[in-house]
Every structure is written in C-alpha cells, then in structure tokens.
Amino acid sequence: MHLVCAWLALLAAPFWETKAPGEWTDAQIDRLLHDSPWAQMADPAPAVQVYLATAHPVREAEAELARRRGKPLSEEYIEYIEHEGANKLVVAIAYKNLTALAAGEEAQRMEEESIMRVGRQKYKMEGHFPPVPSDPFLRLVYPRVATERDKTIVFELYLPGYGPYHEAEFRVRDMLYKGKLEM
C-alpha cells in the first residue's frame, strides 16, 4: 500500500520537481513562467505576464532559456541577485513596449504606486531594472518579508503602457519547491 501511495505521489509531482532544467521542454518552461505557483497573468485585460523572478525554479527556467536562446540576462541583474537575492523579492513583468517607461514622470509614478501587500502590511518597491532588448522584463524589487505563515502576497502594479493598473496574487503555501518555500 505504501509503495502504491509513493508511486502515485511521484506521478503527481510537477516536472520542476522531478527533472533537471536541461530536460525541461520549451512548453514546460513556458508553463512555469506563465501558470505556476510563481507565475500568472495579472488582470485586468490586457493581462500581463508576472512572475517571481527570485524563486529558485524560475531562476532555473530563466537561466535555461538564456542558454537555449544565447541571450543572457543582464550582468548587473545577475550580480544583484547573487548579492541581494536572499533579502529581496523580484517581480518580473513582461514588457513589450520598451519605451513606455522612458517618460520620467511615468517611471516615478510606477515607483510610488506599485506596492506589495503581505497580510495587512504594504511595502513600496525599492528599485527596478528596466526592460532591455535582451531581457524584455521590467523587474521590480521589494523587501523579502513574507514567511510560511502568510497566506498571500499581492502586487498592486502601476504599469505605464498597460492600462495602467494590474494586480497579481500569489498563494504562499503553493510556492514550495523540493519541500522549501521559494519566492
């Protein structure tokens, strides 16, 4: 009976738990970055791809995509994650309009109005990495304050060029990777 339960649990495990990133298909990587515990499409329409870029499986997916496409992420961003990733939470937002943030007024408004809610507490973003042609994702930096005891993390985002307000909610209990909370 125990063997059957273990076998069924293995069958139910998501690919990111059972395969190395080099074995993931392009479709699996796309799923991880669009519809997983760490990624979703933020509403309202037009929906925007949002994911927690500091979560270990997402970092693996981005690194594997960069390797396959020959387009590495910004060295500045990679260095930042290596030094600050344990203390910061980075949210990546797909940004097709690379010039939407060029207006300083809009970028400042984004910095002021984009917040993260954990429980009843609100946190302002601490900085951002703008999208560039080799990495078309706006990356917003927040303090890493959520714990296993929290239920959700909600991002209320002001996104110039997208309508402009979007919201993404992540359930903390779902963000387990190999038995450990990953954000």
N, C-alpha and C. Protein backbone atom coordinates (compact mmCIF):
# COMPACT_ATOMS: atom_id res chain seq x y z
N MET A 1 0.82 -1.19 0.00
CA MET A 1 0.00 0.00 0.00
C MET A 1 0.87 1.27 0.00
N HIS A 2 1.92 1.28 0.82
CA HIS A 2 2.81 2.44 0.88
C HIS A 2 3.51 2.66 -0.44
N LEU A 3 3.87 1.57 -1.09
CA LEU A 3 4.54 1.67 -2.39
C LEU A 3 3.62 2.30 -3.43
N VAL A 4 2.35 1.94 -3.41
CA VAL A 4 1.38 2.50 -4.34
C VAL A 4 1.21 4.00 -4.09
N CYS A 5 1.12 4.40 -2.82
CA CYS A 5 0.98 5.82 -2.48
C CYS A 5 2.21 6.61 -2.93
N ALA A 6 3.39 6.07 -2.70
CA ALA A 6 4.63 6.74 -3.12
C ALA A 6 4.67 6.87 -4.63
N TRP A 7 4.27 5.83 -5.34
CA TRP A 7 4.26 5.85 -6.80
C TRP A 7 3.27 6.90 -7.32
N LEU A 8 2.08 6.97 -6.71
CA LEU A 8 1.10 7.96 -7.13
C LEU A 8 1.58 9.39 -6.84
N ALA A 9 2.25 9.57 -5.71
CA ALA A 9 2.79 10.90 -5.39
C ALA A 9 3.84 11.32 -6.41
N LEU A 10 4.67 10.37 -6.84
CA LEU A 10 5.69 10.67 -7.84
C LEU A 10 5.05 11.06 -9.16
N LEU A 11 3.98 10.36 -9.52
CA LEU A 11 3.28 10.70 -10.77
C LEU A 11 2.66 12.09 -10.71
N ALA A 12 2.24 12.52 -9.53
CA ALA A 12 1.58 13.81 -9.39
C ALA A 12 2.58 14.96 -9.25
N ALA A 13 3.84 14.67 -9.02
CA ALA A 13 4.83 15.73 -8.82
C ALA A 13 5.01 16.53 -10.11
N PRO A 14 5.09 17.85 -10.00
CA PRO A 14 5.29 18.67 -11.19
C PRO A 14 6.69 18.46 -11.78
N PHE A 15 6.83 18.75 -13.05
CA PHE A 15 8.09 18.50 -13.77
C PHE A 15 9.26 19.21 -13.12
N TRP A 16 9.05 20.40 -12.55
CA TRP A 16 10.16 21.14 -11.96
C TRP A 16 10.70 20.45 -10.71
N GLU A 17 9.94 19.51 -10.16
CA GLU A 17 10.39 18.74 -9.01
C GLU A 17 11.13 17.46 -9.43
N THR A 18 10.84 16.98 -10.61
CA THR A 18 11.34 15.65 -11.00
C THR A 18 12.40 15.67 -12.10
N LYS A 19 12.55 16.78 -12.80
CA LYS A 19 13.50 16.85 -13.91
C LYS A 19 14.49 17.99 -13.70
N ALA A 20 15.67 17.84 -14.25
CA ALA A 20 16.66 18.92 -14.26
C ALA A 20 16.24 19.96 -15.30
N PRO A 21 16.58 21.24 -15.11
CA PRO A 21 16.18 22.27 -16.08
C PRO A 21 16.56 21.97 -17.52
N GLY A 22 17.70 21.34 -17.74
CA GLY A 22 18.11 21.00 -19.10
C GLY A 22 17.19 19.99 -19.77
N GLU A 23 16.38 19.29 -18.98
CA GLU A 23 15.43 18.30 -19.52
C GLU A 23 14.05 18.90 -19.74
N TRP A 24 13.81 20.12 -19.29
CA TRP A 24 12.50 20.73 -19.45
C TRP A 24 12.29 21.08 -20.92
N THR A 25 11.09 20.86 -21.40
CA THR A 25 10.76 21.26 -22.77
C THR A 25 10.48 22.76 -22.79
N ASP A 26 10.48 23.33 -23.98
CA ASP A 26 10.13 24.75 -24.09
C ASP A 26 8.72 24.99 -23.56
N ALA A 27 7.80 24.07 -23.83
CA ALA A 27 6.42 24.21 -23.34
C ALA A 27 6.37 24.18 -21.81
N GLN A 28 7.19 23.34 -21.20
CA GLN A 28 7.22 23.27 -19.74
C GLN A 28 7.78 24.57 -19.15
N ILE A 29 8.83 25.10 -19.75
CA ILE A 29 9.38 26.36 -19.27
C ILE A 29 8.34 27.47 -19.42
N ASP A 30 7.65 27.48 -20.55
CA ASP A 30 6.61 28.47 -20.78
C ASP A 30 5.52 28.34 -19.70
N ARG A 31 5.14 27.13 -19.37
CA ARG A 31 4.14 26.91 -18.32
C ARG A 31 4.64 27.43 -16.97
N LEU A 32 5.89 27.14 -16.64
CA LEU A 32 6.46 27.58 -15.37
C LEU A 32 6.45 29.10 -15.27
N LEU A 33 6.70 29.80 -16.38
CA LEU A 33 6.78 31.25 -16.39
C LEU A 33 5.44 31.96 -16.62
N HIS A 34 4.39 31.19 -16.92
CA HIS A 34 3.07 31.79 -17.14
C HIS A 34 2.00 31.29 -16.18
N ASP A 35 2.07 30.03 -15.78
CA ASP A 35 0.99 29.45 -14.99
C ASP A 35 1.55 28.40 -14.03
N SER A 36 2.13 28.89 -12.96
CA SER A 36 2.69 28.02 -11.93
C SER A 36 2.50 28.74 -10.59
N PRO A 37 2.90 28.15 -9.49
CA PRO A 37 2.76 28.86 -8.22
C PRO A 37 3.51 30.19 -8.19
N TRP A 38 4.50 30.37 -9.06
CA TRP A 38 5.33 31.58 -9.07
C TRP A 38 5.01 32.50 -10.23
N ALA A 39 4.03 32.15 -11.06
CA ALA A 39 3.75 32.95 -12.26
C ALA A 39 2.27 32.94 -12.59
N GLN A 40 1.84 34.05 -13.17
CA GLN A 40 0.45 34.15 -13.59
C GLN A 40 0.29 35.32 -14.55
N MET A 41 -0.88 35.40 -15.10
CA MET A 41 -1.23 36.52 -15.93
C MET A 41 -2.03 37.48 -15.05
N ALA A 42 -1.52 38.69 -14.86
CA ALA A 42 -2.16 39.67 -13.98
C ALA A 42 -3.28 40.38 -14.72
N ASP A 43 -4.39 40.56 -14.05
CA ASP A 43 -5.56 41.24 -14.59
C ASP A 43 -5.54 42.70 -14.21
N PRO A 44 -6.35 43.53 -14.85
CA PRO A 44 -7.34 43.26 -15.88
C PRO A 44 -6.72 43.23 -17.27
N ALA A 45 -7.58 43.03 -18.27
CA ALA A 45 -7.13 42.97 -19.65
C ALA A 45 -6.55 44.32 -20.06
N PRO A 46 -5.53 44.35 -20.84
CA PRO A 46 -4.82 43.17 -21.33
C PRO A 46 -3.97 42.57 -20.21
N ALA A 47 -4.16 41.28 -20.01
CA ALA A 47 -3.42 40.58 -18.95
C ALA A 47 -1.92 40.65 -19.23
N VAL A 48 -1.15 40.69 -18.17
CA VAL A 48 0.30 40.86 -18.26
C VAL A 48 0.98 39.70 -17.54
N GLN A 49 2.00 39.12 -18.17
CA GLN A 49 2.77 38.03 -17.57
C GLN A 49 3.58 38.57 -16.39
N VAL A 50 3.40 37.96 -15.21
CA VAL A 50 4.10 38.36 -13.99
C VAL A 50 4.63 37.11 -13.32
N TYR A 51 5.89 37.15 -12.89
CA TYR A 51 6.41 36.03 -12.12
C TYR A 51 7.43 36.48 -11.09
N LEU A 52 7.60 35.64 -10.08
CA LEU A 52 8.55 35.91 -9.01
C LEU A 52 9.92 35.44 -9.46
N ALA A 53 10.71 36.36 -9.94
CA ALA A 53 12.00 36.05 -10.57
C ALA A 53 13.04 35.53 -9.59
N THR A 54 12.85 35.74 -8.31
CA THR A 54 13.83 35.28 -7.32
C THR A 54 13.54 33.85 -6.85
N ALA A 55 12.41 33.28 -7.22
CA ALA A 55 12.11 31.89 -6.84
C ALA A 55 13.06 30.95 -7.58
N HIS A 56 13.60 29.98 -6.88
CA HIS A 56 14.60 29.08 -7.44
C HIS A 56 14.18 28.44 -8.77
N PRO A 57 12.98 27.84 -8.87
CA PRO A 57 12.62 27.22 -10.16
C PRO A 57 12.52 28.24 -11.30
N VAL A 58 12.12 29.45 -10.99
CA VAL A 58 12.04 30.49 -12.02
C VAL A 58 13.44 30.91 -12.44
N ARG A 59 14.35 31.06 -11.49
CA ARG A 59 15.74 31.40 -11.85
C ARG A 59 16.32 30.31 -12.75
N GLU A 60 16.01 29.04 -12.44
CA GLU A 60 16.49 27.94 -13.29
C GLU A 60 15.89 28.02 -14.68
N ALA A 61 14.59 28.33 -14.76
CA ALA A 61 13.93 28.44 -16.06
C ALA A 61 14.51 29.59 -16.88
N GLU A 62 14.74 30.73 -16.25
CA GLU A 62 15.32 31.86 -16.97
C GLU A 62 16.74 31.54 -17.45
N ALA A 63 17.51 30.88 -16.61
CA ALA A 63 18.88 30.53 -17.00
C ALA A 63 18.86 29.54 -18.16
N GLU A 64 17.96 28.59 -18.12
CA GLU A 64 17.87 27.61 -19.21
C GLU A 64 17.41 28.27 -20.51
N LEU A 65 16.44 29.16 -20.44
CA LEU A 65 16.02 29.90 -21.63
C LEU A 65 17.15 30.74 -22.20
N ALA A 66 17.88 31.42 -21.33
CA ALA A 66 19.02 32.24 -21.78
C ALA A 66 20.05 31.37 -22.47
N ARG A 67 20.31 30.19 -21.92
CA ARG A 67 21.27 29.27 -22.52
C ARG A 67 20.80 28.82 -23.90
N ARG A 68 19.52 28.44 -24.00
CA ARG A 68 18.99 27.95 -25.27
C ARG A 68 18.95 29.04 -26.34
N ARG A 69 18.63 30.23 -25.95
CA ARG A 69 18.48 31.34 -26.91
C ARG A 69 19.77 32.11 -27.14
N GLY A 70 20.76 31.88 -26.31
CA GLY A 70 22.01 32.62 -26.43
C GLY A 70 21.87 34.09 -26.08
N LYS A 71 20.88 34.41 -25.23
CA LYS A 71 20.64 35.78 -24.80
C LYS A 71 20.69 35.82 -23.27
N PRO A 72 21.86 36.06 -22.72
CA PRO A 72 21.96 36.07 -21.26
C PRO A 72 21.25 37.27 -20.64
N LEU A 73 20.82 37.09 -19.40
CA LEU A 73 20.23 38.19 -18.66
C LEU A 73 21.31 39.23 -18.38
N SER A 74 20.89 40.40 -18.03
CA SER A 74 21.82 41.49 -17.71
C SER A 74 22.78 41.07 -16.61
N GLU A 75 24.06 41.33 -16.83
CA GLU A 75 25.08 41.01 -15.82
C GLU A 75 24.81 41.77 -14.53
N GLU A 76 24.35 43.00 -14.66
CA GLU A 76 24.04 43.82 -13.48
C GLU A 76 22.94 43.15 -12.64
N TYR A 77 21.91 42.65 -13.33
CA TYR A 77 20.81 41.99 -12.62
C TYR A 77 21.29 40.69 -11.98
N ILE A 78 22.04 39.87 -12.70
CA ILE A 78 22.54 38.61 -12.17
C ILE A 78 23.41 38.86 -10.93
N GLU A 79 24.27 39.85 -11.00
CA GLU A 79 25.13 40.19 -9.86
C GLU A 79 24.28 40.65 -8.68
N TYR A 80 23.26 41.43 -8.95
CA TYR A 80 22.38 41.91 -7.89
C TYR A 80 21.71 40.73 -7.18
N ILE A 81 21.20 39.79 -7.94
CA ILE A 81 20.52 38.62 -7.37
C ILE A 81 21.50 37.79 -6.54
N GLU A 82 22.72 37.64 -7.03
CA GLU A 82 23.72 36.87 -6.28
C GLU A 82 24.02 37.52 -4.93
N HIS A 83 24.02 38.85 -4.88
CA HIS A 83 24.37 39.56 -3.65
C HIS A 83 23.16 39.87 -2.76
N GLU A 84 22.02 40.18 -3.38
CA GLU A 84 20.86 40.64 -2.62
C GLU A 84 19.66 39.71 -2.67
N GLY A 85 19.71 38.66 -3.46
CA GLY A 85 18.56 37.80 -3.67
C GLY A 85 17.97 37.19 -2.40
N ALA A 86 18.79 36.95 -1.40
CA ALA A 86 18.29 36.38 -0.15
C ALA A 86 17.47 37.39 0.63
N ASN A 87 17.65 38.68 0.38
CA ASN A 87 16.95 39.73 1.13
C ASN A 87 15.88 40.45 0.32
N LYS A 88 15.83 40.19 -0.97
CA LYS A 88 14.91 40.90 -1.85
C LYS A 88 14.03 39.93 -2.62
N LEU A 89 12.87 40.41 -2.99
CA LEU A 89 11.93 39.68 -3.82
C LEU A 89 11.82 40.46 -5.12
N VAL A 90 12.06 39.81 -6.24
CA VAL A 90 12.00 40.50 -7.53
C VAL A 90 10.83 39.94 -8.33
N VAL A 91 9.99 40.85 -8.79
CA VAL A 91 8.84 40.52 -9.62
C VAL A 91 9.17 40.92 -11.04
N ALA A 92 9.08 39.98 -11.97
CA ALA A 92 9.35 40.27 -13.39
C ALA A 92 8.02 40.42 -14.13
N ILE A 93 7.94 41.45 -14.95
CA ILE A 93 6.74 41.73 -15.72
C ILE A 93 7.12 41.85 -17.18
N ALA A 94 6.48 41.05 -18.03
CA ALA A 94 6.76 41.11 -19.46
C ALA A 94 6.40 42.50 -19.98
N TYR A 95 7.34 43.10 -20.69
CA TYR A 95 7.14 44.47 -21.18
C TYR A 95 7.49 44.53 -22.65
N LYS A 96 6.47 44.57 -23.49
CA LYS A 96 6.71 44.62 -24.93
C LYS A 96 7.06 46.04 -25.39
N ASN A 97 6.53 47.05 -24.70
CA ASN A 97 6.78 48.44 -25.06
C ASN A 97 7.96 48.95 -24.24
N LEU A 98 9.16 48.79 -24.76
CA LEU A 98 10.37 49.15 -24.02
C LEU A 98 10.49 50.64 -23.76
N THR A 99 9.74 51.47 -24.49
CA THR A 99 9.83 52.92 -24.30
C THR A 99 8.77 53.45 -23.34
N ALA A 100 7.84 52.62 -22.88
CA ALA A 100 6.76 53.09 -22.02
C ALA A 100 7.27 53.71 -20.73
N LEU A 101 8.44 53.28 -20.28
CA LEU A 101 8.99 53.81 -19.03
C LEU A 101 9.96 54.96 -19.26
N ALA A 102 10.13 55.36 -20.52
CA ALA A 102 11.09 56.41 -20.83
C ALA A 102 10.68 57.76 -20.24
N ALA A 103 9.38 57.99 -20.12
CA ALA A 103 8.91 59.23 -19.52
C ALA A 103 9.18 59.17 -18.02
N GLY A 104 10.04 60.04 -17.55
CA GLY A 104 10.43 60.03 -16.14
C GLY A 104 9.25 60.14 -15.20
N GLU A 105 8.25 60.89 -15.61
CA GLU A 105 7.05 61.07 -14.79
C GLU A 105 6.33 59.73 -14.59
N GLU A 106 6.21 58.96 -15.64
CA GLU A 106 5.53 57.66 -15.56
C GLU A 106 6.35 56.67 -14.73
N ALA A 107 7.66 56.67 -14.89
CA ALA A 107 8.52 55.78 -14.10
C ALA A 107 8.43 56.13 -12.62
N GLN A 108 8.39 57.42 -12.32
CA GLN A 108 8.28 57.83 -10.92
C GLN A 108 6.92 57.41 -10.34
N ARG A 109 5.89 57.56 -11.12
CA ARG A 109 4.55 57.15 -10.66
C ARG A 109 4.52 55.65 -10.41
N MET A 110 5.16 54.88 -11.29
CA MET A 110 5.25 53.43 -11.09
C MET A 110 5.93 53.13 -9.76
N GLU A 111 7.04 53.81 -9.49
CA GLU A 111 7.77 53.58 -8.24
C GLU A 111 6.94 53.93 -7.02
N GLU A 112 6.14 54.96 -7.11
CA GLU A 112 5.32 55.39 -5.98
C GLU A 112 4.07 54.55 -5.78
N GLU A 113 3.47 54.08 -6.87
CA GLU A 113 2.18 53.42 -6.76
C GLU A 113 2.21 51.89 -6.84
N SER A 114 3.33 51.30 -7.17
CA SER A 114 3.42 49.84 -7.22
C SER A 114 3.78 49.35 -5.82
N ILE A 115 2.88 48.58 -5.23
CA ILE A 115 3.11 48.11 -3.87
C ILE A 115 2.95 46.60 -3.79
N MET A 116 3.50 46.05 -2.72
CA MET A 116 3.34 44.65 -2.38
C MET A 116 2.59 44.60 -1.05
N ARG A 117 1.56 43.77 -0.98
CA ARG A 117 0.84 43.57 0.26
C ARG A 117 1.10 42.16 0.78
N VAL A 118 1.49 42.09 2.04
CA VAL A 118 1.65 40.81 2.74
C VAL A 118 0.83 40.95 4.00
N GLY A 119 -0.27 40.20 4.06
CA GLY A 119 -1.20 40.40 5.15
C GLY A 119 -1.78 41.80 5.04
N ARG A 120 -1.75 42.54 6.14
CA ARG A 120 -2.27 43.91 6.13
C ARG A 120 -1.19 44.95 5.88
N GLN A 121 0.05 44.50 5.78
CA GLN A 121 1.17 45.41 5.58
C GLN A 121 1.38 45.71 4.09
N LYS A 122 1.72 46.95 3.80
CA LYS A 122 2.03 47.36 2.44
C LYS A 122 3.50 47.74 2.38
N TYR A 123 4.13 47.37 1.28
CA TYR A 123 5.56 47.67 1.09
C TYR A 123 5.75 48.31 -0.28
N LYS A 124 6.51 49.39 -0.30
CA LYS A 124 6.83 50.05 -1.56
C LYS A 124 7.98 49.33 -2.23
N MET A 125 8.03 49.44 -3.52
CA MET A 125 9.16 48.86 -4.23
C MET A 125 10.42 49.64 -3.88
N GLU A 126 11.55 48.95 -3.90
CA GLU A 126 12.82 49.55 -3.50
C GLU A 126 13.70 49.91 -4.69
N GLY A 127 13.29 49.54 -5.86
CA GLY A 127 14.05 49.82 -7.07
C GLY A 127 13.54 48.98 -8.21
N HIS A 128 14.15 49.14 -9.36
CA HIS A 128 13.74 48.33 -10.51
C HIS A 128 14.87 48.24 -11.53
N PHE A 129 14.75 47.22 -12.37
CA PHE A 129 15.63 47.04 -13.51
C PHE A 129 14.73 47.20 -14.74
N PRO A 130 14.98 48.20 -15.57
CA PRO A 130 14.12 48.41 -16.74
C PRO A 130 14.31 47.31 -17.78
N PRO A 131 13.29 47.11 -18.61
CA PRO A 131 13.44 46.12 -19.69
C PRO A 131 14.46 46.60 -20.71
N VAL A 132 15.16 45.65 -21.31
CA VAL A 132 16.13 45.93 -22.37
C VAL A 132 15.89 44.91 -23.48
N PRO A 133 16.39 45.16 -24.68
CA PRO A 133 16.12 44.21 -25.77
C PRO A 133 16.49 42.76 -25.47
N SER A 134 17.59 42.51 -24.76
CA SER A 134 17.97 41.12 -24.46
C SER A 134 17.18 40.53 -23.29
N ASP A 135 16.50 41.38 -22.52
CA ASP A 135 15.70 40.93 -21.37
C ASP A 135 14.49 41.84 -21.26
N PRO A 136 13.42 41.53 -22.03
CA PRO A 136 12.27 42.43 -22.09
C PRO A 136 11.32 42.32 -20.89
N PHE A 137 11.89 42.26 -19.69
CA PHE A 137 11.08 42.19 -18.48
C PHE A 137 11.44 43.35 -17.56
N LEU A 138 10.42 44.03 -17.10
CA LEU A 138 10.59 45.02 -16.05
C LEU A 138 10.71 44.22 -14.75
N ARG A 139 11.73 44.51 -13.97
CA ARG A 139 11.96 43.76 -12.73
C ARG A 139 11.87 44.73 -11.56
N LEU A 140 10.84 44.54 -10.72
CA LEU A 140 10.61 45.39 -9.57
C LEU A 140 11.15 44.71 -8.32
N VAL A 141 11.84 45.46 -7.49
CA VAL A 141 12.49 44.93 -6.30
C VAL A 141 11.70 45.34 -5.05
N TYR A 142 11.40 44.34 -4.22
CA TYR A 142 10.69 44.56 -2.95
C TYR A 142 11.47 43.88 -1.83
N PRO A 143 11.20 44.28 -0.58
CA PRO A 143 11.85 43.58 0.53
C PRO A 143 11.29 42.16 0.65
N ARG A 144 12.12 41.23 1.06
CA ARG A 144 11.69 39.85 1.26
C ARG A 144 11.18 39.75 2.69
N VAL A 145 9.86 39.89 2.86
CA VAL A 145 9.27 39.91 4.20
C VAL A 145 8.27 38.79 4.43
N ALA A 146 7.75 38.18 3.38
CA ALA A 146 6.76 37.12 3.54
C ALA A 146 7.40 35.87 4.14
N THR A 147 6.63 35.15 4.93
CA THR A 147 7.08 33.90 5.53
C THR A 147 6.04 32.81 5.28
N GLU A 148 6.35 31.62 5.74
CA GLU A 148 5.43 30.48 5.59
C GLU A 148 4.10 30.74 6.27
N ARG A 149 4.06 31.61 7.26
CA ARG A 149 2.83 31.90 8.00
C ARG A 149 1.87 32.79 7.22
N ASP A 150 2.35 33.48 6.20
CA ASP A 150 1.50 34.37 5.42
C ASP A 150 0.67 33.56 4.43
N LYS A 151 -0.52 34.08 4.12
CA LYS A 151 -1.40 33.38 3.18
C LYS A 151 -1.13 33.77 1.73
N THR A 152 -1.01 35.08 1.50
CA THR A 152 -0.83 35.56 0.13
C THR A 152 0.16 36.71 0.07
N ILE A 153 0.66 36.91 -1.12
CA ILE A 153 1.43 38.10 -1.47
C ILE A 153 0.70 38.70 -2.66
N VAL A 154 0.33 39.96 -2.54
CA VAL A 154 -0.40 40.63 -3.60
C VAL A 154 0.43 41.80 -4.11
N PHE A 155 0.55 41.89 -5.41
CA PHE A 155 1.25 43.00 -6.04
C PHE A 155 0.21 43.87 -6.74
N GLU A 156 0.15 45.13 -6.33
CA GLU A 156 -0.70 46.12 -6.99
C GLU A 156 0.25 46.97 -7.81
N LEU A 157 0.16 46.84 -9.12
CA LEU A 157 1.17 47.39 -10.02
C LEU A 157 0.64 48.50 -10.90
N TYR A 158 1.35 49.60 -10.91
CA TYR A 158 1.08 50.67 -11.87
C TYR A 158 2.05 50.43 -13.02
N LEU A 159 1.52 50.10 -14.20
CA LEU A 159 2.35 49.73 -15.34
C LEU A 159 2.09 50.65 -16.52
N PRO A 160 2.92 51.66 -16.71
CA PRO A 160 2.75 52.56 -17.86
C PRO A 160 2.73 51.76 -19.17
N GLY A 161 1.78 52.11 -20.01
CA GLY A 161 1.67 51.45 -21.30
C GLY A 161 0.79 50.20 -21.27
N TYR A 162 0.24 49.85 -20.10
CA TYR A 162 -0.59 48.64 -19.99
C TYR A 162 -1.95 48.89 -19.40
N GLY A 163 -2.39 50.09 -19.26
CA GLY A 163 -3.76 50.24 -18.86
C GLY A 163 -4.18 50.94 -17.60
N PRO A 164 -3.46 51.34 -16.68
CA PRO A 164 -2.11 51.06 -16.22
C PRO A 164 -2.06 50.16 -14.99
N TYR A 165 -3.21 49.91 -14.27
CA TYR A 165 -3.16 49.15 -13.02
C TYR A 165 -3.42 47.66 -13.24
N HIS A 166 -2.59 46.84 -12.60
CA HIS A 166 -2.76 45.39 -12.64
C HIS A 166 -2.52 44.82 -11.25
N GLU A 167 -3.10 43.65 -11.01
CA GLU A 167 -2.94 43.01 -9.71
C GLU A 167 -2.61 41.54 -9.91
N ALA A 168 -1.65 41.08 -9.12
CA ALA A 168 -1.26 39.66 -9.15
C ALA A 168 -1.22 39.17 -7.71
N GLU A 169 -1.85 38.03 -7.46
CA GLU A 169 -1.89 37.46 -6.11
C GLU A 169 -1.28 36.06 -6.14
N PHE A 170 -0.34 35.83 -5.24
CA PHE A 170 0.35 34.55 -5.14
C PHE A 170 0.04 33.92 -3.79
N ARG A 171 -0.34 32.65 -3.79
CA ARG A 171 -0.61 31.93 -2.54
C ARG A 171 0.69 31.34 -2.03
N VAL A 172 1.06 31.74 -0.84
CA VAL A 172 2.35 31.35 -0.27
C VAL A 172 2.46 29.83 -0.13
N ARG A 173 1.42 29.17 0.34
CA ARG A 173 1.51 27.72 0.58
C ARG A 173 1.75 26.92 -0.69
N ASP A 174 1.47 27.51 -1.85
CA ASP A 174 1.68 26.80 -3.11
C ASP A 174 3.11 26.93 -3.64
N MET A 175 3.90 27.82 -3.06
CA MET A 175 5.22 28.12 -3.60
C MET A 175 6.31 27.25 -2.97
N LEU A 176 6.04 25.97 -2.87
CA LEU A 176 7.04 25.04 -2.34
C LEU A 176 7.81 24.41 -3.49
N TYR A 177 9.10 24.31 -3.30
CA TYR A 177 10.00 23.69 -4.27
C TYR A 177 10.92 22.78 -3.50
N LYS A 178 10.79 21.48 -3.77
CA LYS A 178 11.58 20.47 -3.07
C LYS A 178 11.44 20.61 -1.55
N GLY A 179 10.19 20.87 -1.14
CA GLY A 179 9.88 20.95 0.28
C GLY A 179 10.20 22.27 0.96
N LYS A 180 10.69 23.24 0.21
CA LYS A 180 11.12 24.52 0.80
C LYS A 180 10.35 25.66 0.14
N LEU A 181 9.98 26.66 0.94
CA LEU A 181 9.30 27.84 0.39
C LEU A 181 10.27 28.59 -0.51
N GLU A 182 9.83 28.87 -1.73
CA GLU A 182 10.63 29.61 -2.71
C GLU A 182 9.83 30.79 -3.23
N MET A 183 10.43 31.98 -3.10
CA MET A 183 9.79 33.20 -3.60
C MET A 183 10.79 34.04 -4.36
